[in-house]
Amino acid sequence: MDRTLLDILCCPVTRTALELLPERELALLNERIAGQRIRNREDIVVAEPLSEALVTRSGKLVYPVRDGVPVLLEDQAMPLSQIEGP
């Protein structure tokens, strides 16, 4: 993701800056997606694995990046807390 673009993006919910989700957390998220254990804020199960994702600096919400384009829609955000636990 282009650094210039990343510098101007912000979370539409919290209005805080976004950064790339680290590879380790992205791998955990994709593992949970494969197990159909991740839901977005619209309460729909996320079906497609992510090659990239953006996370709020507070680490609470994750936004998918599809084909290099950040999907910054409130209902598409995924609470990062879903990758914790069993």
N, C-alpha and C. Protein backbone atom coordinates (compact mmCIF):
# COMPACT_ATOMS: atom_id res chain seq x y z
N MET A 1 0.85 -1.18 0.00
CA MET A 1 0.00 0.00 0.00
C MET A 1 0.89 1.23 0.00
N ASP A 2 0.49 2.20 -0.79
CA ASP A 2 1.24 3.44 -0.92
C ASP A 2 1.25 4.20 0.41
N ARG A 3 2.43 4.57 0.86
CA ARG A 3 2.59 5.27 2.15
C ARG A 3 1.86 6.61 2.16
N THR A 4 1.86 7.33 1.05
CA THR A 4 1.18 8.62 0.98
C THR A 4 -0.32 8.44 1.21
N LEU A 5 -0.89 7.43 0.57
CA LEU A 5 -2.32 7.15 0.77
C LEU A 5 -2.59 6.76 2.22
N LEU A 6 -1.75 5.91 2.76
CA LEU A 6 -1.93 5.45 4.13
C LEU A 6 -1.87 6.62 5.12
N ASP A 7 -1.04 7.61 4.83
CA ASP A 7 -0.91 8.77 5.71
C ASP A 7 -2.18 9.62 5.78
N ILE A 8 -3.04 9.56 4.75
CA ILE A 8 -4.23 10.41 4.76
C ILE A 8 -5.51 9.66 5.12
N LEU A 9 -5.44 8.33 5.18
CA LEU A 9 -6.64 7.55 5.51
C LEU A 9 -6.92 7.58 7.00
N CYS A 10 -8.21 7.51 7.34
CA CYS A 10 -8.58 7.39 8.75
C CYS A 10 -9.81 6.49 8.85
N CYS A 11 -10.01 5.97 10.03
CA CYS A 11 -11.14 5.10 10.31
C CYS A 11 -12.42 5.92 10.29
N PRO A 12 -13.44 5.50 9.54
CA PRO A 12 -14.69 6.26 9.51
C PRO A 12 -15.48 6.17 10.82
N VAL A 13 -15.15 5.21 11.67
CA VAL A 13 -15.86 5.05 12.95
C VAL A 13 -15.19 5.88 14.04
N THR A 14 -13.88 5.69 14.21
CA THR A 14 -13.16 6.34 15.31
C THR A 14 -12.46 7.62 14.91
N ARG A 15 -12.34 7.85 13.58
CA ARG A 15 -11.63 9.02 13.04
C ARG A 15 -10.14 9.01 13.42
N THR A 16 -9.58 7.85 13.70
CA THR A 16 -8.17 7.74 14.02
C THR A 16 -7.40 7.19 12.82
N ALA A 17 -6.10 7.36 12.86
CA ALA A 17 -5.24 6.91 11.76
C ALA A 17 -5.27 5.39 11.62
N LEU A 18 -4.97 4.94 10.41
CA LEU A 18 -4.92 3.51 10.11
C LEU A 18 -3.50 3.12 9.73
N GLU A 19 -3.17 1.87 9.96
CA GLU A 19 -1.87 1.34 9.55
C GLU A 19 -2.08 -0.08 9.04
N LEU A 20 -1.09 -0.59 8.34
CA LEU A 20 -1.19 -1.96 7.83
C LEU A 20 -1.22 -2.95 8.98
N LEU A 21 -2.08 -3.93 8.88
CA LEU A 21 -2.15 -4.99 9.87
C LEU A 21 -0.89 -5.84 9.73
N PRO A 22 -0.15 -6.07 10.83
CA PRO A 22 1.07 -6.88 10.75
C PRO A 22 0.79 -8.29 10.22
N GLU A 23 1.78 -8.85 9.53
CA GLU A 23 1.64 -10.17 8.90
C GLU A 23 1.16 -11.24 9.88
N ARG A 24 1.68 -11.26 11.09
CA ARG A 24 1.29 -12.27 12.07
C ARG A 24 -0.21 -12.20 12.38
N GLU A 25 -0.70 -11.00 12.60
CA GLU A 25 -2.12 -10.82 12.89
C GLU A 25 -2.97 -11.09 11.66
N LEU A 26 -2.46 -10.74 10.48
CA LEU A 26 -3.17 -11.02 9.23
C LEU A 26 -3.32 -12.54 9.05
N ALA A 27 -2.27 -13.28 9.35
CA ALA A 27 -2.32 -14.74 9.25
C ALA A 27 -3.35 -15.32 10.22
N LEU A 28 -3.39 -14.80 11.45
CA LEU A 28 -4.39 -15.26 12.43
C LEU A 28 -5.80 -14.92 11.96
N LEU A 29 -5.97 -13.73 11.43
CA LEU A 29 -7.27 -13.30 10.93
C LEU A 29 -7.72 -14.22 9.79
N ASN A 30 -6.82 -14.50 8.85
CA ASN A 30 -7.17 -15.38 7.73
C ASN A 30 -7.46 -16.80 8.19
N GLU A 31 -6.79 -17.25 9.22
CA GLU A 31 -7.07 -18.58 9.78
C GLU A 31 -8.50 -18.63 10.32
N ARG A 32 -8.88 -17.57 11.01
CA ARG A 32 -10.26 -17.49 11.55
C ARG A 32 -11.29 -17.31 10.43
N ILE A 33 -10.93 -16.58 9.38
CA ILE A 33 -11.83 -16.42 8.24
C ILE A 33 -12.07 -17.77 7.60
N ALA A 34 -11.00 -18.56 7.43
CA ALA A 34 -11.13 -19.89 6.83
C ALA A 34 -12.05 -20.78 7.66
N GLY A 35 -12.05 -20.59 8.97
CA GLY A 35 -12.92 -21.35 9.86
C GLY A 35 -14.30 -20.73 10.03
N GLN A 36 -14.60 -19.70 9.24
CA GLN A 36 -15.88 -18.98 9.30
C GLN A 36 -16.17 -18.44 10.69
N ARG A 37 -15.14 -17.89 11.31
CA ARG A 37 -15.29 -17.37 12.68
C ARG A 37 -15.14 -15.86 12.78
N ILE A 38 -15.10 -15.19 11.64
CA ILE A 38 -14.97 -13.72 11.65
C ILE A 38 -16.23 -13.11 11.05
N ARG A 39 -16.78 -12.15 11.76
CA ARG A 39 -17.96 -11.42 11.30
C ARG A 39 -17.60 -9.95 11.22
N ASN A 40 -18.18 -9.27 10.24
CA ASN A 40 -17.98 -7.83 10.16
C ASN A 40 -19.02 -7.14 11.04
N ARG A 41 -18.99 -5.83 11.06
CA ARG A 41 -19.91 -5.08 11.93
C ARG A 41 -21.36 -5.18 11.48
N GLU A 42 -21.58 -5.68 10.28
CA GLU A 42 -22.93 -5.92 9.78
C GLU A 42 -23.41 -7.32 10.22
N ASP A 43 -22.56 -8.03 10.95
CA ASP A 43 -22.82 -9.37 11.48
C ASP A 43 -22.91 -10.42 10.37
N ILE A 44 -22.15 -10.20 9.30
CA ILE A 44 -22.07 -11.16 8.20
C ILE A 44 -20.71 -11.85 8.27
N VAL A 45 -20.72 -13.17 8.11
CA VAL A 45 -19.48 -13.94 8.14
C VAL A 45 -18.61 -13.53 6.94
N VAL A 46 -17.35 -13.23 7.23
CA VAL A 46 -16.39 -12.87 6.18
C VAL A 46 -15.92 -14.16 5.53
N ALA A 47 -16.04 -14.26 4.21
CA ALA A 47 -15.75 -15.50 3.51
C ALA A 47 -14.41 -15.50 2.78
N GLU A 48 -13.94 -14.35 2.35
CA GLU A 48 -12.73 -14.27 1.54
C GLU A 48 -11.52 -13.91 2.39
N PRO A 49 -10.41 -14.67 2.25
CA PRO A 49 -9.18 -14.31 2.96
C PRO A 49 -8.66 -12.97 2.44
N LEU A 50 -7.85 -12.33 3.25
CA LEU A 50 -7.32 -11.01 2.92
C LEU A 50 -5.83 -11.08 2.62
N SER A 51 -5.41 -10.37 1.59
CA SER A 51 -3.98 -10.28 1.32
C SER A 51 -3.38 -9.09 2.06
N GLU A 52 -4.22 -8.11 2.37
CA GLU A 52 -3.84 -6.94 3.15
C GLU A 52 -5.04 -6.47 3.95
N ALA A 53 -4.76 -5.78 5.04
CA ALA A 53 -5.82 -5.19 5.85
C ALA A 53 -5.25 -3.98 6.58
N LEU A 54 -6.13 -3.07 6.92
CA LEU A 54 -5.76 -1.89 7.70
C LEU A 54 -6.37 -2.00 9.08
N VAL A 55 -5.64 -1.54 10.06
CA VAL A 55 -6.11 -1.61 11.44
C VAL A 55 -6.00 -0.22 12.06
N THR A 56 -6.93 0.08 12.94
CA THR A 56 -6.87 1.36 13.66
C THR A 56 -5.67 1.31 14.59
N ARG A 57 -5.12 2.45 14.89
CA ARG A 57 -3.95 2.49 15.78
C ARG A 57 -4.29 1.97 17.16
N SER A 58 -5.55 2.04 17.53
CA SER A 58 -5.97 1.49 18.83
C SER A 58 -6.06 -0.03 18.78
N GLY A 59 -6.02 -0.59 17.55
CA GLY A 59 -6.06 -2.03 17.39
C GLY A 59 -7.43 -2.65 17.60
N LYS A 60 -8.47 -1.88 17.42
CA LYS A 60 -9.81 -2.41 17.67
C LYS A 60 -10.56 -2.83 16.42
N LEU A 61 -10.35 -2.14 15.31
CA LEU A 61 -11.08 -2.44 14.08
C LEU A 61 -10.12 -2.70 12.92
N VAL A 62 -10.50 -3.64 12.08
CA VAL A 62 -9.73 -3.99 10.89
C VAL A 62 -10.60 -3.76 9.67
N TYR A 63 -10.01 -3.16 8.63
CA TYR A 63 -10.71 -2.94 7.37
C TYR A 63 -10.03 -3.75 6.28
N PRO A 64 -10.79 -4.41 5.43
CA PRO A 64 -10.18 -5.18 4.34
C PRO A 64 -9.60 -4.26 3.27
N VAL A 65 -8.59 -4.77 2.60
CA VAL A 65 -8.05 -4.13 1.40
C VAL A 65 -8.28 -5.14 0.28
N ARG A 66 -9.08 -4.79 -0.69
CA ARG A 66 -9.42 -5.69 -1.79
C ARG A 66 -8.84 -5.15 -3.09
N ASP A 67 -8.03 -5.94 -3.73
CA ASP A 67 -7.37 -5.53 -4.99
C ASP A 67 -6.63 -4.21 -4.84
N GLY A 68 -5.99 -4.02 -3.69
CA GLY A 68 -5.22 -2.81 -3.44
C GLY A 68 -6.03 -1.61 -3.02
N VAL A 69 -7.35 -1.77 -2.88
CA VAL A 69 -8.23 -0.65 -2.53
C VAL A 69 -8.79 -0.86 -1.12
N PRO A 70 -8.51 0.07 -0.19
CA PRO A 70 -9.07 -0.04 1.15
C PRO A 70 -10.59 0.09 1.12
N VAL A 71 -11.27 -0.82 1.80
CA VAL A 71 -12.73 -0.79 1.89
C VAL A 71 -13.08 -0.18 3.25
N LEU A 72 -13.23 1.14 3.27
CA LEU A 72 -13.44 1.87 4.52
C LEU A 72 -14.91 2.15 4.77
N LEU A 73 -15.69 1.11 4.76
CA LEU A 73 -17.12 1.20 5.07
C LEU A 73 -17.34 0.67 6.47
N GLU A 74 -18.08 1.40 7.26
CA GLU A 74 -18.29 1.04 8.66
C GLU A 74 -18.78 -0.39 8.83
N ASP A 75 -19.71 -0.83 7.99
CA ASP A 75 -20.27 -2.18 8.15
C ASP A 75 -19.30 -3.27 7.71
N GLN A 76 -18.22 -2.92 6.99
CA GLN A 76 -17.23 -3.91 6.56
C GLN A 76 -16.09 -4.07 7.56
N ALA A 77 -16.04 -3.21 8.56
CA ALA A 77 -15.00 -3.32 9.60
C ALA A 77 -15.20 -4.59 10.40
N MET A 78 -14.08 -5.16 10.85
CA MET A 78 -14.11 -6.37 11.66
C MET A 78 -13.45 -6.08 13.00
N PRO A 79 -14.13 -6.35 14.11
CA PRO A 79 -13.48 -6.17 15.41
C PRO A 79 -12.29 -7.12 15.54
N LEU A 80 -11.13 -6.57 15.82
CA LEU A 80 -9.90 -7.37 15.91
C LEU A 80 -9.95 -8.33 17.09
N SER A 81 -10.79 -8.08 18.05
CA SER A 81 -10.89 -8.97 19.21
C SER A 81 -11.30 -10.39 18.81
N GLN A 82 -11.83 -10.56 17.60
CA GLN A 82 -12.27 -11.87 17.15
C GLN A 82 -11.10 -12.84 16.87
N ILE A 83 -9.87 -12.32 16.76
CA ILE A 83 -8.76 -13.24 16.53
C ILE A 83 -8.16 -13.75 17.84
N GLU A 84 -8.65 -13.24 18.95
CA GLU A 84 -8.17 -13.68 20.25
C GLU A 84 -9.03 -14.84 20.75
N GLY A 85 -8.52 -15.56 21.69
CA GLY A 85 -9.31 -16.63 22.31
C GLY A 85 -9.24 -17.93 21.54
N PRO A 86 -10.13 -18.90 21.89
CA PRO A 86 -10.07 -20.23 21.30
C PRO A 86 -10.39 -20.29 19.82
